[in-house]
Amino acid sequence: MLIIRDRSAELTEALAHASRLPPFREGAGSYVTVGVFDGVHRGHQQLVAGMAEAAHATGDLAVALAFDPHPATALGDAPPPLLTTLEKRAELLAALELNALIVLSFTPALACTPALDFVGTLLRYLRLVEVWGGPDFALGHRREGNVPFLRRLGAERGFGVHVVEPLTWEGELVSSSRVRAALQAGDIEQAMGCLGRPYRLVGTVVHGDGRGRGLGIPTANLSLLPERLIPASGIYACLAHTERAGTHPAAVNVGTRPTFDGGAVTVEAHLIDFEDDLYGQVLALDFIARLRAEVAFPGAEALMAQMQKDIAQARNILGDVGV
């Protein structure tokens, strides 16, 4: 999959650059969808995979235009915490048979681009054949390029508009906001159902205060990107993917460690039956189940007893995944 990203480029510059690269310069038309695609949840997957299948059936290209940073930033609002990094979004979208991902810097100038100009640029540089989106899809200044607008314009300019009905799971629409709400409530099952995979946090293992090791239960402390969403405080069963030692079951504490001094939220993973040094390595945690809420214990002894129970429960849930 071709990935084009130029933080300094405006819409016209970005698409003009793309048009000069294979596969665009080879003359095929493009089926295009536009959005943030945070999480690349099952709704995104349904839309993009369907678009790619339709595009390839006609010999055309499947193209996604993704905004980064989140549009809320350019509009002066606080952006939501991210479910995925841009790199992870690209990886997940590539698996859906996209031909190209064009990352647009969502600037005030882009936010003010009239829908007519936005579509004109797609026609000129990407040879737009069809726009794909959900029923509430819209592009351009003040979201003026909604589905009725695009259908009228398409009839005039010779492109189609394909509306994909939203995906529902357990009676509710699948959306990035639903996934965020589920994770912030500690509802791992709902988040997994919407994503179609476990929620993953990736960070670098850094030195902590050594308290876990002093209790006989060493933990890997993760340094995370500040914009990433951290699930609700609690104890979780996770699959821990290491850089050099494979995948291992883990009991993970997310929270402020109230039994001791409290403080900032940390993510600490105890890899079960694992003793190697992980400092400086990248560790990825897949959240499989929430075991319990984080609570304050009367002392270290009571905390250790509960941690052993948590580890046994995590081991039971995850099974033997060590390598």
C-alpha atoms as a PDB file:
ATOM      1  CA  MET A   1       0.000   0.000   0.000  1.00  0.00           C
ATOM      2  CA  LEU A   2       1.290   3.437  -0.938  1.00  0.00           C
ATOM      3  CA  ILE A   3       1.370   5.820   2.032  1.00  0.00           C
ATOM      4  CA  ILE A   4       1.717   9.533   1.346  1.00  0.00           C
ATOM      5  CA  ARG A   5       2.190  11.951   4.197  1.00  0.00           C
ATOM      6  CA  ASP A   6       3.402  15.540   4.018  1.00  0.00           C
ATOM      7  CA  ARG A   7       2.545  17.655   7.032  1.00  0.00           C
ATOM      8  CA  SER A   8       3.224  20.858   5.131  1.00  0.00           C
ATOM      9  CA  ALA A   9       1.073  20.004   2.115  1.00  0.00           C
ATOM     10  CA  GLU A  10      -2.351  21.454   1.438  1.00  0.00           C
ATOM     11  CA  LEU A  11      -5.001  19.292  -0.199  1.00  0.00           C
ATOM     12  CA  THR A  12      -4.060  20.190  -3.754  1.00  0.00           C
ATOM     13  CA  GLU A  13      -0.339  19.702  -3.136  1.00  0.00           C
ATOM     14  CA  ALA A  14      -0.842  16.338  -1.438  1.00  0.00           C
ATOM     15  CA  LEU A  15      -3.050  14.937  -4.195  1.00  0.00           C
ATOM     16  CA  ALA A  16      -0.912  16.400  -6.964  1.00  0.00           C
ATOM     17  CA  HIS A  17       2.073  14.635  -5.425  1.00  0.00           C
ATOM     18  CA  ALA A  18       0.137  11.374  -5.192  1.00  0.00           C
ATOM     19  CA  SER A  19      -0.952  11.575  -8.813  1.00  0.00           C
ATOM     20  CA  ARG A  20       2.663  11.458  -9.957  1.00  0.00           C
ATOM     21  CA  LEU A  21       3.367   8.174  -8.159  1.00  0.00           C
ATOM     22  CA  PRO A  22       2.441   4.597  -9.025  1.00  0.00           C
ATOM     23  CA  PRO A  23      -0.198   3.286  -8.992  1.00  0.00           C
ATOM     24  CA  PHE A  24      -1.949   6.631  -9.703  1.00  0.00           C
ATOM     25  CA  ARG A  25       0.139   7.628 -12.701  1.00  0.00           C
ATOM     26  CA  GLU A  26      -0.826   4.444 -14.500  1.00  0.00           C
ATOM     27  CA  GLY A  27      -4.240   5.880 -15.352  1.00  0.00           C
ATOM     28  CA  ALA A  28      -6.717   3.964 -13.176  1.00  0.00           C
ATOM     29  CA  GLY A  29      -9.594   5.749 -11.505  1.00  0.00           C
ATOM     30  CA  SER A  30     -10.122   5.863  -7.741  1.00  0.00           C
ATOM     31  CA  TYR A  31     -12.777   4.837  -5.279  1.00  0.00           C
ATOM     32  CA  VAL A  32     -12.270   7.186  -2.320  1.00  0.00           C
ATOM     33  CA  THR A  33     -13.290   7.357   1.320  1.00  0.00           C
ATOM     34  CA  VAL A  34     -12.388  10.127   3.736  1.00  0.00           C
ATOM     35  CA  GLY A  35     -12.133  10.165   7.543  1.00  0.00           C
ATOM     36  CA  VAL A  36      -9.997   9.823  10.649  1.00  0.00           C
ATOM     37  CA  PHE A  37     -10.375   6.020  10.907  1.00  0.00           C
ATOM     38  CA  ASP A  38      -9.248   6.015  14.533  1.00  0.00           C
ATOM     39  CA  GLY A  39      -9.307   2.454  15.798  1.00  0.00           C
ATOM     40  CA  VAL A  40     -10.072   0.993  12.360  1.00  0.00           C
ATOM     41  CA  HIS A  41     -13.034  -0.698  14.032  1.00  0.00           C
ATOM     42  CA  ARG A  42     -15.355  -3.223  12.409  1.00  0.00           C
ATOM     43  CA  GLY A  43     -17.434  -0.470  10.829  1.00  0.00           C
ATOM     44  CA  HIS A  44     -14.336   1.006   9.181  1.00  0.00           C
ATOM     45  CA  GLN A  45     -13.286  -2.481   8.128  1.00  0.00           C
ATOM     46  CA  GLN A  46     -16.639  -3.184   6.501  1.00  0.00           C
ATOM     47  CA  LEU A  47     -16.559   0.073   4.544  1.00  0.00           C
ATOM     48  CA  VAL A  48     -12.931  -0.051   3.402  1.00  0.00           C
ATOM     49  CA  ALA A  49     -12.905  -3.754   2.530  1.00  0.00           C
ATOM     50  CA  GLY A  50     -16.133  -3.360   0.561  1.00  0.00           C
ATOM     51  CA  MET A  51     -14.779  -0.332  -1.274  1.00  0.00           C
ATOM     52  CA  ALA A  52     -11.540  -2.133  -2.119  1.00  0.00           C
ATOM     53  CA  GLU A  53     -13.419  -5.140  -3.487  1.00  0.00           C
ATOM     54  CA  ALA A  54     -15.635  -2.920  -5.648  1.00  0.00           C
ATOM     55  CA  ALA A  55     -12.709  -0.845  -6.919  1.00  0.00           C
ATOM     56  CA  HIS A  56     -10.595  -3.819  -7.840  1.00  0.00           C
ATOM     57  CA  ALA A  57     -13.515  -5.470  -9.644  1.00  0.00           C
ATOM     58  CA  THR A  58     -13.537  -2.534 -12.081  1.00  0.00           C
ATOM     59  CA  GLY A  59      -9.753  -2.254 -12.328  1.00  0.00           C
ATOM     60  CA  ASP A  60      -9.666   0.907 -10.229  1.00  0.00           C
ATOM     61  CA  LEU A  61      -7.815   1.924  -7.067  1.00  0.00           C
ATOM     62  CA  ALA A  62      -9.080   1.947  -3.481  1.00  0.00           C
ATOM     63  CA  VAL A  63      -7.919   5.111  -1.714  1.00  0.00           C
ATOM     64  CA  ALA A  64      -8.435   6.454   1.815  1.00  0.00           C
ATOM     65  CA  LEU A  65      -7.799  10.060   2.793  1.00  0.00           C
ATOM     66  CA  ALA A  66      -7.066  10.154   6.520  1.00  0.00           C
ATOM     67  CA  PHE A  67      -6.845  13.271   8.673  1.00  0.00           C
ATOM     68  CA  ASP A  68      -4.013  13.849  11.114  1.00  0.00           C
ATOM     69  CA  PRO A  69      -4.100  15.462  13.575  1.00  0.00           C
ATOM     70  CA  HIS A  70      -7.716  14.922  14.590  1.00  0.00           C
ATOM     71  CA  PRO A  71      -9.989  17.589  13.043  1.00  0.00           C
ATOM     72  CA  ALA A  72     -11.011  18.777  16.510  1.00  0.00           C
ATOM     73  CA  THR A  73      -7.518  20.213  16.947  1.00  0.00           C
ATOM     74  CA  ALA A  74      -7.830  22.569  13.975  1.00  0.00           C
ATOM     75  CA  LEU A  75     -11.352  23.522  15.023  1.00  0.00           C
ATOM     76  CA  GLY A  76     -10.162  24.635  18.459  1.00  0.00           C
ATOM     77  CA  ASP A  77     -11.668  21.736  20.401  1.00  0.00           C
ATOM     78  CA  ALA A  78      -9.929  19.167  22.587  1.00  0.00           C
ATOM     79  CA  PRO A  79      -9.322  16.034  20.489  1.00  0.00           C
ATOM     80  CA  PRO A  80     -10.442  12.679  21.895  1.00  0.00           C
ATOM     81  CA  PRO A  81      -7.744  10.293  23.128  1.00  0.00           C
ATOM     82  CA  LEU A  82      -6.548   8.137  20.270  1.00  0.00           C
ATOM     83  CA  LEU A  83      -7.304   4.433  19.940  1.00  0.00           C
ATOM     84  CA  THR A  84      -4.527   3.922  17.400  1.00  0.00           C
ATOM     85  CA  THR A  85      -1.387   5.646  16.248  1.00  0.00           C
ATOM     86  CA  LEU A  86      -1.256   6.748  12.637  1.00  0.00           C
ATOM     87  CA  GLU A  87       1.235   3.962  11.950  1.00  0.00           C
ATOM     88  CA  LYS A  88      -1.136   1.336  13.362  1.00  0.00           C
ATOM     89  CA  ARG A  89      -4.033   2.746  11.354  1.00  0.00           C
ATOM     90  CA  ALA A  90      -1.937   2.417   8.209  1.00  0.00           C
ATOM     91  CA  GLU A  91      -1.067  -1.189   9.060  1.00  0.00           C
ATOM     92  CA  LEU A  92      -4.691  -2.136   9.680  1.00  0.00           C
ATOM     93  CA  LEU A  93      -5.940  -0.361   6.544  1.00  0.00           C
ATOM     94  CA  ALA A  94      -3.268  -2.001   4.402  1.00  0.00           C
ATOM     95  CA  ALA A  95      -4.625  -5.399   5.451  1.00  0.00           C
ATOM     96  CA  LEU A  96      -7.979  -4.407   3.904  1.00  0.00           C
ATOM     97  CA  GLU A  97      -6.421  -4.252   0.404  1.00  0.00           C
ATOM     98  CA  LEU A  98      -6.246  -0.471   0.086  1.00  0.00           C
ATOM     99  CA  ASN A  99      -4.003   0.715  -2.722  1.00  0.00           C
ATOM    100  CA  ALA A 100      -3.136   4.032  -1.119  1.00  0.00           C
ATOM    101  CA  LEU A 101      -3.476   5.959   2.127  1.00  0.00           C
ATOM    102  CA  ILE A 102      -3.065   9.717   1.797  1.00  0.00           C
ATOM    103  CA  VAL A 103      -2.620  11.449   5.141  1.00  0.00           C
ATOM    104  CA  LEU A 104      -3.826  15.033   5.114  1.00  0.00           C
ATOM    105  CA  SER A 105      -2.813  17.590   7.697  1.00  0.00           C
ATOM    106  CA  PHE A 106      -6.124  18.866   9.015  1.00  0.00           C
ATOM    107  CA  THR A 107      -5.364  22.579   9.065  1.00  0.00           C
ATOM    108  CA  PRO A 108      -7.717  25.576   9.354  1.00  0.00           C
ATOM    109  CA  ALA A 109      -7.206  26.059   5.608  1.00  0.00           C
ATOM    110  CA  LEU A 110      -8.323  22.515   4.871  1.00  0.00           C
ATOM    111  CA  ALA A 111     -11.312  22.935   7.215  1.00  0.00           C
ATOM    112  CA  CYS A 112     -12.387  25.955   5.145  1.00  0.00           C
ATOM    113  CA  THR A 113     -12.111  24.188   1.774  1.00  0.00           C
ATOM    114  CA  PRO A 114     -15.507  24.285   0.034  1.00  0.00           C
ATOM    115  CA  ALA A 115     -16.930  20.881  -0.769  1.00  0.00           C
ATOM    116  CA  LEU A 116     -17.029  21.770  -4.473  1.00  0.00           C
ATOM    117  CA  ASP A 117     -13.282  22.469  -4.465  1.00  0.00           C
ATOM    118  CA  PHE A 118     -12.539  19.344  -2.400  1.00  0.00           C
ATOM    119  CA  VAL A 119     -14.345  17.124  -4.883  1.00  0.00           C
ATOM    120  CA  GLY A 120     -12.827  18.988  -7.831  1.00  0.00           C
ATOM    121  CA  THR A 121      -9.377  18.156  -6.512  1.00  0.00           C
ATOM    122  CA  LEU A 122     -10.298  14.475  -6.191  1.00  0.00           C
ATOM    123  CA  LEU A 123     -11.556  14.465  -9.768  1.00  0.00           C
ATOM    124  CA  ARG A 124      -8.514  16.228 -11.144  1.00  0.00           C
ATOM    125  CA  TYR A 125      -5.745  14.319  -9.438  1.00  0.00           C
ATOM    126  CA  LEU A 126      -7.217  10.958  -8.392  1.00  0.00           C
ATOM    127  CA  ARG A 127      -9.676  10.514 -11.279  1.00  0.00           C
ATOM    128  CA  LEU A 128     -12.511   9.988  -8.822  1.00  0.00           C
ATOM    129  CA  VAL A 129     -14.925   7.226  -9.813  1.00  0.00           C
ATOM    130  CA  GLU A 130     -16.931   6.779  -6.605  1.00  0.00           C
ATOM    131  CA  VAL A 131     -17.071   8.233  -3.084  1.00  0.00           C
ATOM    132  CA  TRP A 132     -17.772   5.804  -0.252  1.00  0.00           C
ATOM    133  CA  GLY A 133     -19.063   6.668   3.205  1.00  0.00           C
ATOM    134  CA  GLY A 134     -21.782   6.177   5.777  1.00  0.00           C
ATOM    135  CA  PRO A 135     -25.206   7.890   5.747  1.00  0.00           C
ATOM    136  CA  ASP A 136     -23.839  10.871   7.714  1.00  0.00           C
ATOM    137  CA  PHE A 137     -20.686  11.201   5.599  1.00  0.00           C
ATOM    138  CA  ALA A 138     -19.759  14.763   4.676  1.00  0.00           C
ATOM    139  CA  LEU A 139     -16.711  16.672   3.514  1.00  0.00           C
ATOM    140  CA  GLY A 140     -15.762  20.269   2.916  1.00  0.00           C
ATOM    141  CA  HIS A 141     -16.354  23.493   4.824  1.00  0.00           C
ATOM    142  CA  ARG A 142     -19.068  23.171   7.487  1.00  0.00           C
ATOM    143  CA  ARG A 143     -19.693  19.616   6.227  1.00  0.00           C
ATOM    144  CA  GLU A 144     -21.593  21.034   3.278  1.00  0.00           C
ATOM    145  CA  GLY A 145     -20.595  18.103   1.067  1.00  0.00           C
ATOM    146  CA  ASN A 146     -23.115  15.674   2.531  1.00  0.00           C
ATOM    147  CA  VAL A 147     -24.611  12.695   0.699  1.00  0.00           C
ATOM    148  CA  PRO A 148     -27.421  14.594  -1.112  1.00  0.00           C
ATOM    149  CA  PHE A 149     -24.926  17.301  -2.173  1.00  0.00           C
ATOM    150  CA  LEU A 150     -22.456  14.704  -3.449  1.00  0.00           C
ATOM    151  CA  ARG A 151     -25.145  12.806  -5.358  1.00  0.00           C
ATOM    152  CA  ARG A 152     -26.267  15.982  -7.132  1.00  0.00           C
ATOM    153  CA  LEU A 153     -22.680  16.900  -7.928  1.00  0.00           C
ATOM    154  CA  GLY A 154     -21.894  13.350  -9.001  1.00  0.00           C
ATOM    155  CA  ALA A 155     -24.741  13.407 -11.516  1.00  0.00           C
ATOM    156  CA  GLU A 156     -23.200  16.551 -13.014  1.00  0.00           C
ATOM    157  CA  ARG A 157     -19.515  15.595 -12.861  1.00  0.00           C
ATOM    158  CA  GLY A 158     -19.688  11.875 -13.548  1.00  0.00           C
ATOM    159  CA  PHE A 159     -18.855  10.127 -10.294  1.00  0.00           C
ATOM    160  CA  GLY A 160     -20.896   7.869  -8.038  1.00  0.00           C
ATOM    161  CA  VAL A 161     -21.725   7.936  -4.337  1.00  0.00           C
ATOM    162  CA  HIS A 162     -21.987   4.677  -2.429  1.00  0.00           C
ATOM    163  CA  VAL A 163     -23.509   4.754   1.054  1.00  0.00           C
ATOM    164  CA  VAL A 164     -22.609   1.918   3.435  1.00  0.00           C
ATOM    165  CA  GLU A 165     -25.087   1.308   6.208  1.00  0.00           C
ATOM    166  CA  PRO A 166     -23.507   1.553   9.676  1.00  0.00           C
ATOM    167  CA  LEU A 167     -22.519  -1.691  11.350  1.00  0.00           C
ATOM    168  CA  THR A 168     -24.297  -2.622  14.558  1.00  0.00           C
ATOM    169  CA  TRP A 169     -23.141  -4.974  17.274  1.00  0.00           C
ATOM    170  CA  GLU A 170     -25.361  -6.028  20.172  1.00  0.00           C
ATOM    171  CA  GLY A 171     -28.000  -3.575  19.041  1.00  0.00           C
ATOM    172  CA  GLU A 172     -25.852  -0.422  18.904  1.00  0.00           C
ATOM    173  CA  LEU A 173     -23.830   1.303  16.211  1.00  0.00           C
ATOM    174  CA  VAL A 174     -20.140   0.518  16.106  1.00  0.00           C
ATOM    175  CA  SER A 175     -18.118   3.737  16.310  1.00  0.00           C
ATOM    176  CA  SER A 176     -14.820   5.076  17.618  1.00  0.00           C
ATOM    177  CA  SER A 177     -16.672   6.986  20.328  1.00  0.00           C
ATOM    178  CA  ARG A 178     -18.379   3.782  21.480  1.00  0.00           C
ATOM    179  CA  VAL A 179     -15.011   2.028  21.716  1.00  0.00           C
ATOM    180  CA  ARG A 180     -13.570   4.935  23.722  1.00  0.00           C
ATOM    181  CA  ALA A 181     -16.518   4.932  26.110  1.00  0.00           C
ATOM    182  CA  ALA A 182     -16.237   1.177  26.605  1.00  0.00           C
ATOM    183  CA  LEU A 183     -12.520   1.340  27.392  1.00  0.00           C
ATOM    184  CA  GLN A 184     -12.969   4.288  29.727  1.00  0.00           C
ATOM    185  CA  ALA A 185     -15.558   2.202  31.582  1.00  0.00           C
ATOM    186  CA  GLY A 186     -13.302  -0.864  31.645  1.00  0.00           C
ATOM    187  CA  ASP A 187     -15.672  -2.797  29.381  1.00  0.00           C
ATOM    188  CA  ILE A 188     -13.067  -4.784  27.477  1.00  0.00           C
ATOM    189  CA  GLU A 189     -15.582  -7.219  25.995  1.00  0.00           C
ATOM    190  CA  GLN A 190     -17.546  -4.412  24.333  1.00  0.00           C
ATOM    191  CA  ALA A 191     -14.385  -2.750  23.018  1.00  0.00           C
ATOM    192  CA  MET A 192     -13.179  -6.043  21.533  1.00  0.00           C
ATOM    193  CA  GLY A 193     -16.574  -6.670  19.965  1.00  0.00           C
ATOM    194  CA  CYS A 194     -16.488  -3.303  18.205  1.00  0.00           C
ATOM    195  CA  LEU A 195     -12.830  -3.471  17.180  1.00  0.00           C
ATOM    196  CA  GLY A 196     -12.856  -7.092  16.105  1.00  0.00           C
ATOM    197  CA  ARG A 197      -9.580  -7.572  17.977  1.00  0.00           C
ATOM    198  CA  PRO A 198      -8.135  -6.752  21.415  1.00  0.00           C
ATOM    199  CA  TYR A 199      -7.346  -3.138  22.241  1.00  0.00           C
ATOM    200  CA  ARG A 200      -3.575  -2.672  22.123  1.00  0.00           C
ATOM    201  CA  LEU A 201      -1.286  -0.279  23.991  1.00  0.00           C
ATOM    202  CA  VAL A 202       2.341  -0.035  22.929  1.00  0.00           C
ATOM    203  CA  GLY A 203       5.066   1.598  24.984  1.00  0.00           C
ATOM    204  CA  THR A 204       8.708   1.511  25.940  1.00  0.00           C
ATOM    205  CA  VAL A 205       9.644  -0.263  29.163  1.00  0.00           C
ATOM    206  CA  VAL A 206      11.172   2.241  31.587  1.00  0.00           C
ATOM    207  CA  HIS A 207      12.455   2.088  35.149  1.00  0.00           C
ATOM    208  CA  GLY A 208       9.830   2.507  37.851  1.00  0.00           C
ATOM    209  CA  ASP A 209      10.264   2.675  41.603  1.00  0.00           C
ATOM    210  CA  GLY A 210      11.019  -1.056  41.857  1.00  0.00           C
ATOM    211  CA  ARG A 211       8.202  -1.663  44.304  1.00  0.00           C
ATOM    212  CA  GLY A 212       6.828  -4.658  42.381  1.00  0.00           C
ATOM    213  CA  ARG A 213      10.209  -6.363  42.317  1.00  0.00           C
ATOM    214  CA  GLY A 214      10.582  -5.678  46.043  1.00  0.00           C
ATOM    215  CA  LEU A 215       7.299  -7.526  46.589  1.00  0.00           C
ATOM    216  CA  GLY A 216       8.507 -10.463  44.516  1.00  0.00           C
ATOM    217  CA  ILE A 217       6.234  -9.599  41.585  1.00  0.00           C
ATOM    218  CA  PRO A 218       8.343  -7.588  39.105  1.00  0.00           C
ATOM    219  CA  THR A 219       6.524  -5.379  36.636  1.00  0.00           C
ATOM    220  CA  ALA A 220       7.395  -3.690  33.357  1.00  0.00           C
ATOM    221  CA  ASN A 221       6.462  -0.008  33.497  1.00  0.00           C
ATOM    222  CA  LEU A 222       5.340   1.421  30.162  1.00  0.00           C
ATOM    223  CA  SER A 223       6.053   4.906  28.865  1.00  0.00           C
ATOM    224  CA  LEU A 224       3.126   5.739  26.558  1.00  0.00           C
ATOM    225  CA  LEU A 225       2.351   8.459  24.057  1.00  0.00           C
ATOM    226  CA  PRO A 226       0.313  11.110  25.908  1.00  0.00           C
ATOM    227  CA  GLU A 227      -2.429  11.183  23.283  1.00  0.00           C
ATOM    228  CA  ARG A 228      -3.266   7.475  23.596  1.00  0.00           C
ATOM    229  CA  LEU A 229      -6.377   6.290  25.434  1.00  0.00           C
ATOM    230  CA  ILE A 230      -5.592   4.368  28.619  1.00  0.00           C
ATOM    231  CA  PRO A 231      -8.380   2.034  29.794  1.00  0.00           C
ATOM    232  CA  ALA A 232     -10.122   2.578  33.135  1.00  0.00           C
ATOM    233  CA  SER A 233      -8.108   1.926  36.267  1.00  0.00           C
ATOM    234  CA  GLY A 234      -8.100  -1.725  37.222  1.00  0.00           C
ATOM    235  CA  ILE A 235      -6.362  -5.062  36.883  1.00  0.00           C
ATOM    236  CA  TYR A 236      -6.401  -6.722  33.464  1.00  0.00           C
ATOM    237  CA  ALA A 237      -5.465  -9.991  31.820  1.00  0.00           C
ATOM    238  CA  CYS A 238      -3.343  -9.080  28.796  1.00  0.00           C
ATOM    239  CA  LEU A 239      -1.203 -10.733  26.182  1.00  0.00           C
ATOM    240  CA  ALA A 240       2.223  -9.091  26.289  1.00  0.00           C
ATOM    241  CA  HIS A 241       4.172  -9.073  23.029  1.00  0.00           C
ATOM    242  CA  THR A 242       7.877  -8.511  23.604  1.00  0.00           C
ATOM    243  CA  GLU A 243      10.479  -7.433  21.089  1.00  0.00           C
ATOM    244  CA  ARG A 244      12.789 -10.392  21.604  1.00  0.00           C
ATOM    245  CA  ALA A 245      11.096 -13.038  23.725  1.00  0.00           C
ATOM    246  CA  GLY A 246       7.755 -13.739  22.105  1.00  0.00           C
ATOM    247  CA  THR A 247       4.299 -13.433  23.667  1.00  0.00           C
ATOM    248  CA  HIS A 248       3.478 -14.088  27.308  1.00  0.00           C
ATOM    249  CA  PRO A 249       0.385 -13.890  29.533  1.00  0.00           C
ATOM    250  CA  ALA A 250       0.423 -10.895  31.831  1.00  0.00           C
ATOM    251  CA  ALA A 251      -1.459  -9.366  34.739  1.00  0.00           C
ATOM    252  CA  VAL A 252      -1.527  -5.604  34.169  1.00  0.00           C
ATOM    253  CA  ASN A 253      -2.252  -2.835  36.640  1.00  0.00           C
ATOM    254  CA  VAL A 254      -3.630   0.427  35.291  1.00  0.00           C
ATOM    255  CA  GLY A 255      -3.997   3.131  37.904  1.00  0.00           C
ATOM    256  CA  THR A 256      -2.469   5.227  40.639  1.00  0.00           C
ATOM    257  CA  ARG A 257      -1.357   2.486  43.111  1.00  0.00           C
ATOM    258  CA  PRO A 258      -3.520   3.790  45.993  1.00  0.00           C
ATOM    259  CA  THR A 259      -2.111   1.275  48.481  1.00  0.00           C
ATOM    260  CA  PHE A 260       1.095   3.290  48.411  1.00  0.00           C
ATOM    261  CA  ASP A 261       1.335   6.960  47.502  1.00  0.00           C
ATOM    262  CA  GLY A 262      -1.102   7.245  44.620  1.00  0.00           C
ATOM    263  CA  GLY A 263      -0.133   9.792  41.984  1.00  0.00           C
ATOM    264  CA  ALA A 264      -0.186   9.738  38.199  1.00  0.00           C
ATOM    265  CA  VAL A 265      -1.778   6.891  36.271  1.00  0.00           C
ATOM    266  CA  THR A 266       0.712   4.191  35.323  1.00  0.00           C
ATOM    267  CA  VAL A 267       0.543   1.005  33.279  1.00  0.00           C
ATOM    268  CA  GLU A 268       2.543  -1.846  34.820  1.00  0.00           C
ATOM    269  CA  ALA A 269       2.667  -5.360  33.402  1.00  0.00           C
ATOM    270  CA  HIS A 270       3.707  -8.488  35.276  1.00  0.00           C
ATOM    271  CA  LEU A 271       4.643 -11.069  32.658  1.00  0.00           C
ATOM    272  CA  ILE A 272       3.743 -14.438  34.130  1.00  0.00           C
ATOM    273  CA  ASP A 273       6.605 -16.955  34.469  1.00  0.00           C
ATOM    274  CA  PHE A 274       8.993 -14.506  32.790  1.00  0.00           C
ATOM    275  CA  GLU A 275      12.207 -13.160  34.258  1.00  0.00           C
ATOM    276  CA  ASP A 276      14.207 -11.517  31.445  1.00  0.00           C
ATOM    277  CA  ASP A 277      15.167  -7.834  31.427  1.00  0.00           C
ATOM    278  CA  LEU A 278      12.855  -5.738  29.247  1.00  0.00           C
ATOM    279  CA  TYR A 279      14.199  -2.251  29.967  1.00  0.00           C
ATOM    280  CA  GLY A 280      14.365  -0.091  26.856  1.00  0.00           C
ATOM    281  CA  GLN A 281      12.375  -2.530  24.768  1.00  0.00           C
ATOM    282  CA  VAL A 282       9.011  -1.911  23.140  1.00  0.00           C
ATOM    283  CA  LEU A 283       6.182  -3.874  24.751  1.00  0.00           C
ATOM    284  CA  ALA A 284       2.705  -4.268  23.268  1.00  0.00           C
ATOM    285  CA  LEU A 285      -0.221  -5.161  25.531  1.00  0.00           C
ATOM    286  CA  ASP A 286      -3.433  -6.667  24.170  1.00  0.00           C
ATOM    287  CA  PHE A 287      -6.250  -6.185  26.709  1.00  0.00           C
ATOM    288  CA  ILE A 288      -8.262  -9.413  26.944  1.00  0.00           C
ATOM    289  CA  ALA A 289     -10.300  -9.103  30.165  1.00  0.00           C
ATOM    290  CA  ARG A 290     -10.731  -6.821  33.183  1.00  0.00           C
ATOM    291  CA  LEU A 291     -10.275  -8.769  36.400  1.00  0.00           C
ATOM    292  CA  ARG A 292     -11.265  -6.174  38.980  1.00  0.00           C
ATOM    293  CA  ALA A 293     -11.179  -2.510  39.921  1.00  0.00           C
ATOM    294  CA  GLU A 294      -8.100  -0.960  41.482  1.00  0.00           C
ATOM    295  CA  VAL A 295      -8.572  -0.598  45.254  1.00  0.00           C
ATOM    296  CA  ALA A 296      -6.445   0.420  48.234  1.00  0.00           C
ATOM    297  CA  PHE A 297      -5.328  -2.406  50.513  1.00  0.00           C
ATOM    298  CA  PRO A 298      -4.398  -2.030  54.204  1.00  0.00           C
ATOM    299  CA  GLY A 299      -0.780  -2.915  53.468  1.00  0.00           C
ATOM    300  CA  ALA A 300       1.748  -4.672  51.259  1.00  0.00           C
ATOM    301  CA  GLU A 301       0.916  -8.151  52.570  1.00  0.00           C
ATOM    302  CA  ALA A 302      -2.760  -7.892  51.665  1.00  0.00           C
ATOM    303  CA  LEU A 303      -1.853  -6.429  48.274  1.00  0.00           C
ATOM    304  CA  MET A 304       0.564  -9.300  47.555  1.00  0.00           C
ATOM    305  CA  ALA A 305      -2.070 -11.887  48.423  1.00  0.00           C
ATOM    306  CA  GLN A 306      -4.539 -10.293  46.025  1.00  0.00           C
ATOM    307  CA  MET A 307      -1.905  -9.938  43.305  1.00  0.00           C
ATOM    308  CA  GLN A 308      -1.240 -13.662  43.462  1.00  0.00           C
ATOM    309  CA  LYS A 309      -4.952 -14.273  42.961  1.00  0.00           C
ATOM    310  CA  ASP A 310      -4.952 -11.833  40.025  1.00  0.00           C
ATOM    311  CA  ILE A 311      -2.009 -13.638  38.429  1.00  0.00           C
ATOM    312  CA  ALA A 312      -3.716 -17.022  38.831  1.00  0.00           C
ATOM    313  CA  GLN A 313      -6.914 -15.652  37.289  1.00  0.00           C
ATOM    314  CA  ALA A 314      -5.017 -14.081  34.387  1.00  0.00           C
ATOM    315  CA  ARG A 315      -3.181 -17.354  33.792  1.00  0.00           C
ATOM    316  CA  ASN A 316      -6.484 -19.229  33.753  1.00  0.00           C
ATOM    317  CA  ILE A 317      -8.029 -16.802  31.258  1.00  0.00           C
ATOM    318  CA  LEU A 318      -5.062 -16.548  28.928  1.00  0.00           C
ATOM    319  CA  GLY A 319      -3.697 -20.070  29.074  1.00  0.00           C
ATOM    320  CA  ASP A 320      -0.137 -20.978  28.210  1.00  0.00           C
ATOM    321  CA  VAL A 321       0.922 -18.588  25.454  1.00  0.00           C
ATOM    322  CA  GLY A 322       4.600 -18.350  26.385  1.00  0.00           C
ATOM    323  CA  VAL A 323       7.266 -19.255  23.876  1.00  0.00           C
END
